[in-house]
N, C-alpha and C. Protein backbone atom coordinates (compact mmCIF):
# COMPACT_ATOMS: atom_id res chain seq x y z
N PRO A 1 2.96 -24.19 6.69
CA PRO A 1 2.65 -22.78 6.83
C PRO A 1 3.02 -21.99 5.59
N VAL A 2 2.39 -20.90 5.43
CA VAL A 2 2.67 -19.98 4.32
C VAL A 2 3.03 -18.64 4.92
N THR A 3 4.04 -18.00 4.37
CA THR A 3 4.41 -16.67 4.84
C THR A 3 4.01 -15.64 3.81
N LEU A 4 3.74 -14.45 4.28
CA LEU A 4 3.39 -13.34 3.41
C LEU A 4 4.31 -12.20 3.78
N LYS A 5 5.07 -11.68 2.82
CA LYS A 5 6.02 -10.61 3.08
C LYS A 5 5.64 -9.40 2.26
N VAL A 6 5.77 -8.22 2.86
CA VAL A 6 5.45 -6.97 2.19
C VAL A 6 6.65 -6.04 2.33
N MET A 7 7.05 -5.41 1.24
CA MET A 7 8.18 -4.48 1.28
C MET A 7 7.84 -3.29 0.40
N ARG A 8 8.03 -2.08 0.92
CA ARG A 8 7.78 -0.88 0.12
C ARG A 8 8.92 -0.68 -0.85
N LEU A 9 8.58 -0.41 -2.08
CA LEU A 9 9.57 -0.05 -3.08
C LEU A 9 9.69 1.46 -3.09
N CYS A 10 10.86 1.97 -3.37
CA CYS A 10 11.10 3.42 -3.26
C CYS A 10 10.84 4.13 -4.57
N LYS A 11 10.41 5.37 -4.46
CA LYS A 11 10.27 6.26 -5.60
C LYS A 11 11.63 6.90 -5.84
N PRO A 12 11.97 7.42 -6.99
CA PRO A 12 11.09 7.61 -8.12
C PRO A 12 10.96 6.39 -9.02
N ALA A 13 11.87 5.45 -8.94
CA ALA A 13 11.78 4.30 -9.83
C ALA A 13 12.45 3.11 -9.16
N PHE A 14 12.14 1.93 -9.65
CA PHE A 14 12.78 0.74 -9.13
C PHE A 14 13.15 -0.16 -10.30
N ALA A 15 14.17 -0.97 -10.08
CA ALA A 15 14.61 -1.89 -11.12
C ALA A 15 13.95 -3.24 -10.90
N PHE A 16 13.65 -3.94 -11.97
CA PHE A 16 13.06 -5.26 -11.85
C PHE A 16 14.16 -6.30 -11.73
N SER A 17 14.78 -6.33 -10.57
CA SER A 17 15.80 -7.34 -10.30
C SER A 17 15.25 -8.28 -9.24
N LEU A 18 14.07 -8.83 -9.53
CA LEU A 18 13.41 -9.71 -8.57
C LEU A 18 14.17 -11.02 -8.49
N PRO A 19 14.14 -11.73 -7.39
CA PRO A 19 13.39 -11.39 -6.21
C PRO A 19 14.09 -10.35 -5.36
N VAL A 20 13.29 -9.51 -4.70
CA VAL A 20 13.81 -8.53 -3.77
C VAL A 20 14.31 -9.29 -2.55
N PRO A 21 15.51 -8.99 -2.03
CA PRO A 21 16.02 -9.77 -0.90
C PRO A 21 15.20 -9.56 0.36
N PHE A 22 14.89 -10.64 1.02
CA PHE A 22 14.16 -10.64 2.28
C PHE A 22 14.96 -11.39 3.32
N PRO A 23 14.59 -11.25 4.59
CA PRO A 23 15.22 -12.09 5.60
C PRO A 23 14.95 -13.55 5.27
N PRO A 24 15.79 -14.47 5.76
CA PRO A 24 15.60 -15.87 5.42
C PRO A 24 14.22 -16.37 5.86
N ILE A 25 13.67 -17.29 5.08
CA ILE A 25 12.37 -17.88 5.40
C ILE A 25 12.55 -18.76 6.63
N PRO A 26 11.62 -18.66 7.59
CA PRO A 26 11.76 -19.48 8.79
C PRO A 26 11.67 -20.96 8.47
N PRO A 27 12.21 -21.82 9.34
CA PRO A 27 12.18 -23.25 9.06
C PRO A 27 10.75 -23.76 8.95
N ALA A 28 10.56 -24.83 8.16
CA ALA A 28 9.24 -25.37 7.91
C ALA A 28 8.58 -25.92 9.17
N ASP A 29 9.36 -26.18 10.21
CA ASP A 29 8.77 -26.73 11.42
C ASP A 29 8.25 -25.65 12.37
N SER A 30 8.23 -24.36 11.92
CA SER A 30 7.68 -23.31 12.77
C SER A 30 6.18 -23.55 12.93
N ALA A 31 5.68 -23.30 14.11
CA ALA A 31 4.30 -23.67 14.45
C ALA A 31 3.30 -22.76 13.76
N PRO A 32 2.34 -23.35 13.04
CA PRO A 32 1.28 -22.53 12.46
C PRO A 32 0.29 -22.13 13.53
N GLU A 33 -0.54 -21.15 13.19
CA GLU A 33 -1.60 -20.77 14.11
C GLU A 33 -2.55 -21.95 14.25
N PRO A 34 -3.17 -22.11 15.42
CA PRO A 34 -4.05 -23.27 15.64
C PRO A 34 -5.16 -23.35 14.61
N GLY A 35 -5.35 -24.54 14.02
CA GLY A 35 -6.47 -24.81 13.14
C GLY A 35 -6.30 -24.37 11.70
N ILE A 36 -5.14 -23.83 11.33
CA ILE A 36 -4.96 -23.43 9.94
C ILE A 36 -3.62 -23.92 9.42
N ALA A 37 -3.54 -24.07 8.10
CA ALA A 37 -2.33 -24.56 7.48
C ALA A 37 -1.35 -23.45 7.15
N LEU A 38 -1.78 -22.20 7.28
CA LEU A 38 -0.90 -21.07 7.03
C LEU A 38 -0.45 -20.49 8.34
N SER A 39 0.79 -20.05 8.41
CA SER A 39 1.29 -19.52 9.67
C SER A 39 0.75 -18.14 10.00
N GLY A 40 0.34 -17.39 9.00
CA GLY A 40 -0.11 -16.04 9.25
C GLY A 40 1.04 -15.08 9.45
N MET A 41 2.27 -15.58 9.32
CA MET A 41 3.43 -14.72 9.51
C MET A 41 3.52 -13.73 8.36
N LEU A 42 3.59 -12.50 8.70
CA LEU A 42 3.68 -11.45 7.69
C LEU A 42 4.77 -10.52 8.12
N SER A 43 5.76 -10.31 7.28
CA SER A 43 6.86 -9.47 7.69
C SER A 43 6.79 -8.15 6.94
N LEU A 44 7.08 -7.09 7.67
CA LEU A 44 6.97 -5.75 7.12
C LEU A 44 7.89 -4.84 7.91
N PRO A 45 8.54 -3.88 7.25
CA PRO A 45 9.35 -2.93 8.01
C PRO A 45 8.49 -2.20 9.04
N GLN A 46 9.09 -1.77 10.13
CA GLN A 46 8.36 -1.05 11.17
C GLN A 46 7.74 0.23 10.63
N SER A 47 8.38 0.84 9.64
CA SER A 47 7.86 2.07 9.06
C SER A 47 8.03 2.02 7.55
N PHE A 48 7.04 2.53 6.82
CA PHE A 48 7.15 2.63 5.38
C PHE A 48 8.01 3.83 4.97
N GLY A 49 8.41 4.64 5.93
CA GLY A 49 9.15 5.86 5.62
C GLY A 49 8.18 7.00 5.36
N ASP A 50 8.71 8.13 4.91
CA ASP A 50 7.87 9.29 4.63
C ASP A 50 7.13 9.08 3.32
N ILE A 51 5.81 9.25 3.37
CA ILE A 51 4.97 9.09 2.19
C ILE A 51 4.15 10.36 2.04
N TYR A 52 4.12 10.89 0.82
CA TYR A 52 3.45 12.17 0.59
C TYR A 52 2.37 12.07 -0.48
N LEU A 53 1.38 12.93 -0.33
CA LEU A 53 0.29 13.05 -1.27
C LEU A 53 0.86 13.27 -2.67
N GLY A 54 0.30 12.60 -3.67
CA GLY A 54 0.76 12.75 -5.04
C GLY A 54 1.78 11.71 -5.46
N GLU A 55 2.38 11.00 -4.51
CA GLU A 55 3.33 9.94 -4.85
C GLU A 55 2.58 8.68 -5.25
N THR A 56 3.29 7.75 -5.84
CA THR A 56 2.75 6.42 -6.11
C THR A 56 3.35 5.47 -5.09
N PHE A 57 2.50 4.88 -4.26
CA PHE A 57 2.96 3.90 -3.27
C PHE A 57 3.17 2.58 -4.00
N SER A 58 4.37 2.03 -3.94
CA SER A 58 4.69 0.77 -4.57
C SER A 58 5.20 -0.20 -3.52
N CYS A 59 4.72 -1.43 -3.58
CA CYS A 59 5.23 -2.44 -2.66
C CYS A 59 5.30 -3.80 -3.34
N TYR A 60 6.16 -4.62 -2.83
CA TYR A 60 6.37 -5.98 -3.32
C TYR A 60 5.79 -6.92 -2.27
N ILE A 61 4.88 -7.79 -2.69
CA ILE A 61 4.24 -8.73 -1.78
C ILE A 61 4.56 -10.14 -2.26
N SER A 62 5.00 -10.99 -1.33
CA SER A 62 5.34 -12.36 -1.68
C SER A 62 4.65 -13.32 -0.72
N LEU A 63 3.88 -14.23 -1.27
CA LEU A 63 3.21 -15.28 -0.50
C LEU A 63 3.96 -16.57 -0.79
N CYS A 64 4.47 -17.23 0.25
CA CYS A 64 5.32 -18.42 0.05
C CYS A 64 4.81 -19.58 0.90
N ASN A 65 4.70 -20.76 0.29
CA ASN A 65 4.31 -21.97 1.01
C ASN A 65 5.58 -22.60 1.59
N ILE A 66 5.79 -22.44 2.88
CA ILE A 66 6.99 -22.99 3.52
C ILE A 66 6.71 -24.32 4.20
N SER A 67 5.51 -24.87 4.00
CA SER A 67 5.18 -26.17 4.59
C SER A 67 5.57 -27.28 3.62
N PRO A 68 5.66 -28.51 4.09
CA PRO A 68 6.01 -29.62 3.21
C PRO A 68 4.81 -30.13 2.39
N ILE A 69 3.62 -29.59 2.63
CA ILE A 69 2.43 -30.06 1.92
C ILE A 69 1.99 -29.06 0.86
N SER A 70 1.25 -29.54 -0.12
CA SER A 70 0.68 -28.66 -1.14
C SER A 70 -0.68 -28.16 -0.67
N LEU A 71 -1.00 -26.94 -1.05
CA LEU A 71 -2.30 -26.36 -0.77
C LEU A 71 -3.03 -26.19 -2.10
N ALA A 72 -4.33 -25.93 -2.04
CA ALA A 72 -5.12 -25.77 -3.26
C ALA A 72 -5.84 -24.43 -3.25
N GLN A 73 -6.19 -23.96 -4.45
CA GLN A 73 -6.97 -22.73 -4.63
C GLN A 73 -6.44 -21.57 -3.79
N VAL A 74 -5.14 -21.29 -3.95
CA VAL A 74 -4.48 -20.23 -3.18
C VAL A 74 -4.67 -18.91 -3.91
N GLY A 75 -5.07 -17.90 -3.17
CA GLY A 75 -5.26 -16.58 -3.74
C GLY A 75 -4.79 -15.50 -2.79
N LEU A 76 -4.51 -14.36 -3.34
CA LEU A 76 -4.05 -13.21 -2.56
C LEU A 76 -4.91 -12.01 -2.94
N LYS A 77 -5.45 -11.34 -1.92
CA LYS A 77 -6.24 -10.14 -2.14
C LYS A 77 -5.57 -8.98 -1.42
N VAL A 78 -5.33 -7.88 -2.13
CA VAL A 78 -4.68 -6.70 -1.55
C VAL A 78 -5.63 -5.51 -1.74
N GLU A 79 -5.90 -4.83 -0.63
CA GLU A 79 -6.79 -3.67 -0.65
C GLU A 79 -6.12 -2.53 0.09
N VAL A 80 -6.56 -1.32 -0.20
CA VAL A 80 -6.14 -0.16 0.58
C VAL A 80 -7.40 0.57 1.01
N GLN A 81 -7.40 0.96 2.28
CA GLN A 81 -8.55 1.68 2.83
C GLN A 81 -8.09 3.03 3.34
N THR A 82 -8.83 4.07 2.95
CA THR A 82 -8.58 5.42 3.44
C THR A 82 -9.80 5.83 4.25
N GLN A 83 -9.79 7.07 4.71
CA GLN A 83 -10.95 7.56 5.44
C GLN A 83 -12.15 7.73 4.53
N LEU A 84 -11.92 7.80 3.21
CA LEU A 84 -12.99 8.06 2.26
C LEU A 84 -13.45 6.84 1.48
N GLN A 85 -12.57 5.85 1.27
CA GLN A 85 -12.92 4.73 0.41
C GLN A 85 -12.07 3.49 0.71
N ARG A 86 -12.52 2.37 0.14
CA ARG A 86 -11.77 1.12 0.20
C ARG A 86 -11.67 0.61 -1.23
N GLU A 87 -10.44 0.34 -1.68
CA GLU A 87 -10.21 -0.03 -3.07
C GLU A 87 -9.40 -1.32 -3.16
N THR A 88 -9.83 -2.22 -4.03
CA THR A 88 -9.10 -3.47 -4.25
C THR A 88 -8.01 -3.21 -5.29
N LEU A 89 -6.77 -3.53 -4.93
CA LEU A 89 -5.63 -3.31 -5.82
C LEU A 89 -5.26 -4.56 -6.60
N ALA A 90 -5.47 -5.73 -6.02
CA ALA A 90 -5.20 -7.01 -6.68
C ALA A 90 -6.06 -8.06 -6.01
N ASP A 91 -6.55 -9.01 -6.80
CA ASP A 91 -7.38 -10.06 -6.22
C ASP A 91 -7.26 -11.32 -7.06
N SER A 92 -6.49 -12.27 -6.57
CA SER A 92 -6.40 -13.57 -7.24
C SER A 92 -7.11 -14.63 -6.40
N SER A 93 -7.99 -14.20 -5.50
CA SER A 93 -8.71 -15.14 -4.64
C SER A 93 -9.97 -15.68 -5.30
N LEU A 94 -10.39 -15.07 -6.40
CA LEU A 94 -11.58 -15.54 -7.10
C LEU A 94 -11.30 -16.93 -7.68
N SER A 95 -12.31 -17.76 -7.74
CA SER A 95 -12.09 -19.17 -8.10
C SER A 95 -11.40 -19.35 -9.45
N ASP A 96 -11.68 -18.49 -10.43
CA ASP A 96 -11.06 -18.67 -11.75
C ASP A 96 -9.63 -18.11 -11.81
N GLU A 97 -9.22 -17.32 -10.82
CA GLU A 97 -7.86 -16.77 -10.81
C GLU A 97 -6.96 -17.40 -9.75
N ALA A 98 -7.52 -18.18 -8.84
CA ALA A 98 -6.72 -18.80 -7.78
C ALA A 98 -5.77 -19.85 -8.35
N ILE A 99 -4.67 -20.06 -7.66
CA ILE A 99 -3.70 -21.07 -8.08
C ILE A 99 -4.26 -22.44 -7.67
N PRO A 100 -4.51 -23.35 -8.63
CA PRO A 100 -5.15 -24.62 -8.29
C PRO A 100 -4.32 -25.49 -7.34
N ARG A 101 -3.00 -25.51 -7.56
CA ARG A 101 -2.12 -26.29 -6.69
C ARG A 101 -0.93 -25.42 -6.32
N PHE A 102 -0.71 -25.26 -5.03
CA PHE A 102 0.36 -24.40 -4.51
C PHE A 102 1.35 -25.31 -3.79
N ALA A 103 2.40 -25.69 -4.49
CA ALA A 103 3.37 -26.67 -3.98
C ALA A 103 4.22 -26.09 -2.86
N SER A 104 4.87 -26.98 -2.14
CA SER A 104 5.80 -26.56 -1.11
C SER A 104 6.91 -25.70 -1.72
N GLN A 105 7.24 -24.59 -1.09
CA GLN A 105 8.25 -23.62 -1.52
C GLN A 105 7.83 -22.77 -2.71
N GLN A 106 6.62 -22.94 -3.20
CA GLN A 106 6.13 -22.12 -4.30
C GLN A 106 5.79 -20.73 -3.77
N THR A 107 5.96 -19.70 -4.62
CA THR A 107 5.65 -18.34 -4.21
C THR A 107 4.64 -17.71 -5.17
N LEU A 108 3.89 -16.77 -4.63
CA LEU A 108 2.99 -15.93 -5.42
C LEU A 108 3.46 -14.51 -5.16
N ASP A 109 4.02 -13.86 -6.17
CA ASP A 109 4.63 -12.54 -6.02
C ASP A 109 3.82 -11.49 -6.78
N LYS A 110 3.65 -10.34 -6.13
CA LYS A 110 2.91 -9.23 -6.74
C LYS A 110 3.64 -7.93 -6.46
N ILE A 111 3.63 -7.05 -7.44
CA ILE A 111 4.06 -5.67 -7.23
C ILE A 111 2.79 -4.83 -7.33
N ILE A 112 2.52 -4.10 -6.26
CA ILE A 112 1.30 -3.31 -6.16
C ILE A 112 1.66 -1.84 -6.23
N GLU A 113 0.91 -1.08 -7.01
CA GLU A 113 1.09 0.36 -7.09
C GLU A 113 -0.25 1.05 -6.83
N TYR A 114 -0.18 2.15 -6.08
CA TYR A 114 -1.39 2.87 -5.73
C TYR A 114 -1.07 4.37 -5.68
N ASP A 115 -1.79 5.16 -6.48
CA ASP A 115 -1.60 6.61 -6.49
C ASP A 115 -2.26 7.21 -5.26
N LEU A 116 -1.48 7.93 -4.47
CA LEU A 116 -1.97 8.51 -3.21
C LEU A 116 -2.68 9.82 -3.48
N LYS A 117 -4.00 9.82 -3.24
CA LYS A 117 -4.83 10.99 -3.54
C LYS A 117 -5.41 11.64 -2.29
N ASP A 118 -5.22 11.01 -1.14
CA ASP A 118 -5.80 11.52 0.11
C ASP A 118 -4.71 11.60 1.18
N VAL A 119 -4.76 12.63 2.01
CA VAL A 119 -3.87 12.70 3.16
C VAL A 119 -4.52 11.93 4.31
N GLY A 120 -3.72 11.55 5.28
CA GLY A 120 -4.24 10.86 6.45
C GLY A 120 -3.81 9.40 6.48
N ILE A 121 -4.45 8.67 7.37
CA ILE A 121 -4.10 7.28 7.59
C ILE A 121 -4.64 6.40 6.46
N HIS A 122 -3.78 5.53 5.95
CA HIS A 122 -4.14 4.53 4.97
C HIS A 122 -3.89 3.16 5.60
N ILE A 123 -4.68 2.18 5.24
CA ILE A 123 -4.49 0.82 5.75
C ILE A 123 -4.34 -0.11 4.56
N LEU A 124 -3.19 -0.79 4.48
CA LEU A 124 -2.95 -1.82 3.48
C LEU A 124 -3.46 -3.13 4.05
N ILE A 125 -4.40 -3.77 3.37
CA ILE A 125 -5.02 -5.01 3.85
C ILE A 125 -4.61 -6.14 2.92
N CYS A 126 -3.91 -7.13 3.46
CA CYS A 126 -3.45 -8.29 2.69
C CYS A 126 -4.18 -9.53 3.21
N SER A 127 -4.87 -10.23 2.32
CA SER A 127 -5.60 -11.44 2.70
C SER A 127 -5.10 -12.60 1.86
N ALA A 128 -4.75 -13.70 2.51
CA ALA A 128 -4.35 -14.93 1.82
C ALA A 128 -5.47 -15.94 2.03
N LEU A 129 -5.95 -16.52 0.93
CA LEU A 129 -7.02 -17.50 0.97
C LEU A 129 -6.51 -18.81 0.40
N TYR A 130 -6.98 -19.94 0.92
CA TYR A 130 -6.50 -21.23 0.47
C TYR A 130 -7.46 -22.33 0.89
N THR A 131 -7.27 -23.51 0.29
CA THR A 131 -7.99 -24.71 0.69
C THR A 131 -6.96 -25.66 1.27
N ASP A 132 -7.19 -26.13 2.50
CA ASP A 132 -6.22 -27.02 3.15
C ASP A 132 -6.38 -28.45 2.66
N VAL A 133 -5.56 -29.38 3.20
CA VAL A 133 -5.57 -30.77 2.74
C VAL A 133 -6.89 -31.46 3.06
N ALA A 134 -7.64 -30.96 4.03
CA ALA A 134 -8.94 -31.54 4.38
C ALA A 134 -10.06 -31.00 3.49
N GLY A 135 -9.72 -30.06 2.59
CA GLY A 135 -10.72 -29.48 1.69
C GLY A 135 -11.47 -28.30 2.28
N GLU A 136 -11.03 -27.80 3.42
CA GLU A 136 -11.70 -26.68 4.06
C GLU A 136 -11.10 -25.36 3.57
N ARG A 137 -11.96 -24.39 3.24
CA ARG A 137 -11.52 -23.07 2.75
C ARG A 137 -11.19 -22.20 3.96
N LYS A 138 -9.96 -21.65 3.98
CA LYS A 138 -9.49 -20.84 5.11
C LYS A 138 -8.78 -19.61 4.59
N TYR A 139 -8.55 -18.66 5.49
CA TYR A 139 -7.81 -17.46 5.12
C TYR A 139 -7.22 -16.81 6.36
N PHE A 140 -6.25 -15.92 6.13
CA PHE A 140 -5.78 -15.03 7.18
C PHE A 140 -5.59 -13.65 6.57
N ARG A 141 -5.68 -12.64 7.41
CA ARG A 141 -5.65 -11.26 6.96
C ARG A 141 -4.75 -10.46 7.88
N LYS A 142 -3.97 -9.56 7.30
CA LYS A 142 -3.10 -8.66 8.06
C LYS A 142 -3.34 -7.23 7.60
N PHE A 143 -3.19 -6.30 8.56
CA PHE A 143 -3.43 -4.88 8.30
C PHE A 143 -2.14 -4.11 8.59
N PHE A 144 -1.83 -3.14 7.72
CA PHE A 144 -0.66 -2.29 7.90
C PHE A 144 -1.07 -0.84 7.72
N LYS A 145 -0.88 -0.05 8.76
CA LYS A 145 -1.24 1.37 8.70
C LYS A 145 -0.04 2.20 8.29
N PHE A 146 -0.30 3.22 7.49
CA PHE A 146 0.74 4.19 7.17
C PHE A 146 0.08 5.55 6.97
N GLN A 147 0.84 6.58 7.26
CA GLN A 147 0.36 7.96 7.20
C GLN A 147 0.81 8.60 5.89
N VAL A 148 -0.11 9.25 5.20
CA VAL A 148 0.21 10.02 4.00
C VAL A 148 0.14 11.49 4.38
N ASN A 149 1.25 12.19 4.18
CA ASN A 149 1.37 13.60 4.57
C ASN A 149 1.22 14.52 3.35
N ASN A 150 0.86 15.76 3.63
CA ASN A 150 0.77 16.77 2.58
C ASN A 150 2.17 17.33 2.34
N PRO A 151 2.67 17.36 1.11
CA PRO A 151 4.01 17.87 0.86
C PRO A 151 4.12 19.39 0.96
N LEU A 152 2.99 20.09 0.90
CA LEU A 152 2.99 21.55 0.95
C LEU A 152 2.05 22.03 2.05
N SER A 153 2.47 23.10 2.70
CA SER A 153 1.53 23.79 3.58
C SER A 153 1.26 25.15 2.94
N MET A 154 0.03 25.60 3.04
CA MET A 154 -0.35 26.84 2.39
C MET A 154 -1.08 27.73 3.39
N LYS A 155 -0.67 29.00 3.44
CA LYS A 155 -1.32 30.00 4.29
C LYS A 155 -1.73 31.16 3.40
N SER A 156 -2.94 31.63 3.60
CA SER A 156 -3.44 32.75 2.81
C SER A 156 -3.97 33.85 3.71
N LYS A 157 -3.78 35.09 3.26
CA LYS A 157 -4.34 36.26 3.94
C LYS A 157 -5.09 37.06 2.89
N THR A 158 -6.23 37.57 3.26
CA THR A 158 -6.98 38.43 2.34
C THR A 158 -7.22 39.78 3.00
N GLN A 159 -7.21 40.81 2.18
CA GLN A 159 -7.46 42.16 2.68
C GLN A 159 -8.26 42.91 1.62
N ALA A 160 -9.38 43.49 2.05
CA ALA A 160 -10.21 44.26 1.13
C ALA A 160 -9.63 45.65 0.97
N LEU A 161 -9.49 46.09 -0.27
CA LEU A 161 -9.01 47.44 -0.58
C LEU A 161 -10.22 48.27 -1.02
N ALA A 162 -10.47 49.35 -0.31
CA ALA A 162 -11.65 50.18 -0.57
C ALA A 162 -11.52 51.02 -1.83
N VAL A 163 -10.30 51.18 -2.33
CA VAL A 163 -10.07 52.09 -3.46
C VAL A 163 -10.89 51.69 -4.68
N ASN A 164 -10.72 50.51 -5.22
CA ASN A 164 -11.43 50.07 -6.43
C ASN A 164 -12.26 48.82 -6.17
N ASN A 165 -12.68 48.63 -4.92
CA ASN A 165 -13.43 47.44 -4.56
C ASN A 165 -12.65 46.17 -4.92
N GLU A 166 -11.36 46.17 -4.59
CA GLU A 166 -10.47 45.05 -4.90
C GLU A 166 -10.15 44.27 -3.64
N VAL A 167 -9.72 43.06 -3.84
CA VAL A 167 -9.29 42.20 -2.74
C VAL A 167 -7.85 41.80 -2.99
N LEU A 168 -7.00 42.00 -2.00
CA LEU A 168 -5.60 41.62 -2.09
C LEU A 168 -5.43 40.28 -1.38
N ILE A 169 -4.85 39.31 -2.08
CA ILE A 169 -4.64 37.98 -1.51
C ILE A 169 -3.15 37.68 -1.48
N GLU A 170 -2.68 37.31 -0.30
CA GLU A 170 -1.28 36.90 -0.15
C GLU A 170 -1.29 35.41 0.22
N THR A 171 -0.57 34.61 -0.55
CA THR A 171 -0.51 33.18 -0.29
C THR A 171 0.94 32.76 -0.14
N GLN A 172 1.20 32.00 0.91
CA GLN A 172 2.55 31.47 1.16
C GLN A 172 2.52 29.96 1.03
N LEU A 173 3.38 29.43 0.19
CA LEU A 173 3.55 27.98 0.06
C LEU A 173 4.84 27.60 0.76
N GLN A 174 4.79 26.54 1.57
CA GLN A 174 5.98 26.08 2.26
C GLN A 174 6.17 24.59 2.00
N ASN A 175 7.40 24.21 1.70
CA ASN A 175 7.75 22.81 1.50
C ASN A 175 7.73 22.10 2.86
N ALA A 176 6.85 21.13 3.03
CA ALA A 176 6.75 20.38 4.29
C ALA A 176 7.54 19.08 4.24
N MET A 177 8.25 18.85 3.14
CA MET A 177 9.03 17.61 2.98
C MET A 177 10.46 17.83 3.46
N PRO A 178 11.16 16.75 3.83
CA PRO A 178 12.55 16.88 4.26
C PRO A 178 13.53 16.98 3.08
N ARG A 179 13.03 16.99 1.87
CA ARG A 179 13.89 17.10 0.68
C ARG A 179 13.36 18.22 -0.22
N GLN A 180 14.16 18.56 -1.23
CA GLN A 180 13.77 19.64 -2.12
C GLN A 180 12.52 19.27 -2.92
N LEU A 181 11.75 20.29 -3.21
CA LEU A 181 10.55 20.13 -3.99
C LEU A 181 10.60 21.16 -5.10
N PHE A 182 10.32 20.75 -6.32
CA PHE A 182 10.35 21.66 -7.46
C PHE A 182 8.94 21.86 -7.98
N LEU A 183 8.50 23.13 -8.05
CA LEU A 183 7.18 23.46 -8.56
C LEU A 183 7.30 23.81 -10.04
N HIS A 184 6.47 23.19 -10.85
CA HIS A 184 6.46 23.50 -12.28
C HIS A 184 5.65 24.77 -12.54
N SER A 185 4.55 24.93 -11.83
CA SER A 185 3.73 26.12 -12.01
C SER A 185 2.78 26.28 -10.83
N VAL A 186 2.33 27.51 -10.65
CA VAL A 186 1.31 27.82 -9.66
C VAL A 186 0.25 28.63 -10.38
N GLU A 187 -1.00 28.24 -10.19
CA GLU A 187 -2.08 28.91 -10.90
C GLU A 187 -3.12 29.39 -9.90
N PHE A 188 -3.57 30.62 -10.08
CA PHE A 188 -4.63 31.20 -9.25
C PHE A 188 -5.93 31.18 -10.06
N LYS A 189 -6.96 30.60 -9.47
CA LYS A 189 -8.27 30.55 -10.13
C LYS A 189 -9.25 31.32 -9.27
N PRO A 190 -9.77 32.44 -9.78
CA PRO A 190 -10.70 33.25 -8.99
C PRO A 190 -12.08 32.60 -8.89
N ALA A 191 -12.76 32.89 -7.79
CA ALA A 191 -14.16 32.47 -7.64
C ALA A 191 -14.98 33.20 -8.69
N PRO A 192 -16.19 32.70 -9.05
CA PRO A 192 -16.97 33.29 -10.13
C PRO A 192 -17.26 34.80 -9.99
N GLN A 193 -17.35 35.29 -8.76
CA GLN A 193 -17.68 36.71 -8.60
C GLN A 193 -16.46 37.63 -8.75
N PHE A 194 -15.28 37.07 -8.97
CA PHE A 194 -14.06 37.87 -9.13
C PHE A 194 -13.48 37.71 -10.52
N GLU A 195 -12.65 38.68 -10.89
CA GLU A 195 -11.91 38.62 -12.15
C GLU A 195 -10.46 38.36 -11.84
């Protein structure tokens, strides 16, 4: 069997003191899913924590062969799907990038970074592809949902002033995060019909 582990790295920065500690790898005699050489076991924290628009989502992914046999043409594909798009973040499953021989206890480690540009539900899709000892091409896929929140809430009020045909706009920005937020600047851009 092969295990796939995913761990979110924290902002603002992380140190490259790999390997990142994980729970112990299960014994090699753990039962794989029927008909495949990989166990499909994927470990992930129950929650990625608070994630906000504008941050860079970073995670450490480790694919490990915990079986006593070698596998061939092992690849890992990582994608993220939002309500608007699906983007490939890493793909070593292509024939020229796959690992030709994946020995017992060998690992394939990746650090994935993704700039969060959309609020709402995101799905991290991890796919492990391999060729088993019988020469059959197989894969397993796991999905992880996480919510991206807006760090600011904004309320605006407009009022027309009859005096000089002016419009008064009041805008309130509120920090929606549980920690301090520092604004470098705020800029107002009028619509073309206004000065």
